[in-house]
Protein backbone atom coordinates (compact mmCIF):
# COMPACT_ATOMS: atom_id res chain seq x y z
CA MET A 1 0.00 0.00 0.00
CA ARG A 2 1.15 3.49 -0.77
CA PRO A 3 1.44 6.05 2.04
CA LEU A 4 -1.58 8.30 2.50
CA TYR A 5 0.60 11.41 2.14
CA THR A 6 1.59 10.26 -1.37
CA ILE A 7 -2.03 9.66 -2.29
CA ALA A 8 -2.99 13.07 -0.88
CA ARG A 9 -0.34 14.71 -3.08
CA GLU A 10 -1.80 13.02 -6.17
CA ILE A 11 -5.31 14.11 -5.20
CA ARG A 12 -4.19 17.73 -4.92
CA LYS A 13 -2.60 17.57 -8.39
CA ASP A 14 -5.79 16.24 -9.97
CA TRP A 15 -8.51 17.94 -7.90
CA THR A 16 -7.63 21.62 -8.22
CA LYS A 17 -10.76 22.98 -6.50
CA VAL A 18 -11.09 20.68 -3.49
CA ASN A 19 -14.52 20.67 -1.89
CA TYR A 20 -14.47 22.71 1.33
CA ALA A 21 -15.87 19.75 3.31
CA ALA A 22 -13.19 17.35 2.01
CA LYS A 23 -10.26 19.75 2.46
CA PRO A 24 -9.66 19.20 6.22
CA TYR A 25 -9.52 15.44 5.68
CA LEU A 26 -7.23 15.79 2.68
CA ASP A 27 -4.99 18.03 4.81
CA ALA A 28 -4.99 15.37 7.55
CA MET A 29 -4.17 12.63 5.03
CA SER A 30 -1.14 14.67 3.98
CA SER A 31 0.46 13.95 7.35
CA LEU A 32 -0.43 10.25 7.62
CA SER A 33 1.42 7.21 6.36
CA SER A 34 -1.34 4.66 6.83
CA ILE A 35 -4.86 4.23 8.14
CA ASN A 36 -3.28 2.86 11.33
CA ASP A 37 -1.81 6.27 12.17
CA ALA A 38 -3.66 8.90 14.17
CA PHE A 39 -4.33 12.55 13.41
CA TYR A 40 -4.81 14.12 16.83
CA HIS A 41 -7.83 12.23 18.23
CA ASP A 42 -8.98 10.83 14.89
CA SER A 43 -7.82 7.52 13.50
CA GLY A 44 -6.38 7.40 10.01
CA GLU A 45 -9.25 5.12 9.10
CA SER A 46 -11.86 7.70 10.10
CA VAL A 47 -9.97 10.45 8.23
CA VAL A 48 -10.08 8.38 5.04
CA ARG A 49 -13.76 7.50 5.56
CA TYR A 50 -14.70 11.15 6.07
CA PHE A 51 -12.62 12.19 3.07
CA LEU A 52 -14.41 9.67 0.86
CA SER A 53 -17.82 10.74 2.09
CA ASN A 54 -17.02 14.38 1.23
CA ALA A 55 -15.26 13.74 -2.08
CA SER A 56 -18.30 12.93 -4.21
CA THR A 57 -17.73 16.00 -6.41
CA TRP A 58 -14.26 14.77 -7.39
CA ARG A 59 -14.74 12.83 -10.62
CA GLY A 60 -12.79 11.30 -13.46
CA ASP A 61 -10.52 8.34 -14.02
CA MET A 62 -7.95 9.42 -11.44
CA ALA A 63 -10.68 10.02 -8.85
CA LYS A 64 -12.21 6.63 -9.48
CA ALA A 65 -8.85 4.85 -9.18
CA ILE A 66 -7.75 6.63 -6.01
CA LYS A 67 -11.14 6.25 -4.32
CA ALA A 68 -10.98 2.51 -5.06
CA GLU A 69 -7.47 2.37 -3.61
CA LEU A 70 -8.58 4.14 -0.43
CA LYS A 71 -11.63 1.88 -0.08
CA ALA A 72 -9.39 -1.17 -0.44
CA MET A 73 -7.26 0.12 2.46
CA LEU A 74 -10.32 0.26 4.67
């Protein structure tokens, strides 16, 4: 599995206007290696879940592939 911070970097390259509701979770993912890490009081798993639930406006082939990768981690 790739580190979450690498995935977050790819998301930022592709999704230029990140949804305001997804942005805090994308920011948190930028400092995590895996879903087993913690971001303050939130687990990496919950950060990824909340990101996915707020990333519905991100579309395209890259979005589909990365969302599938994140879901597979969960």
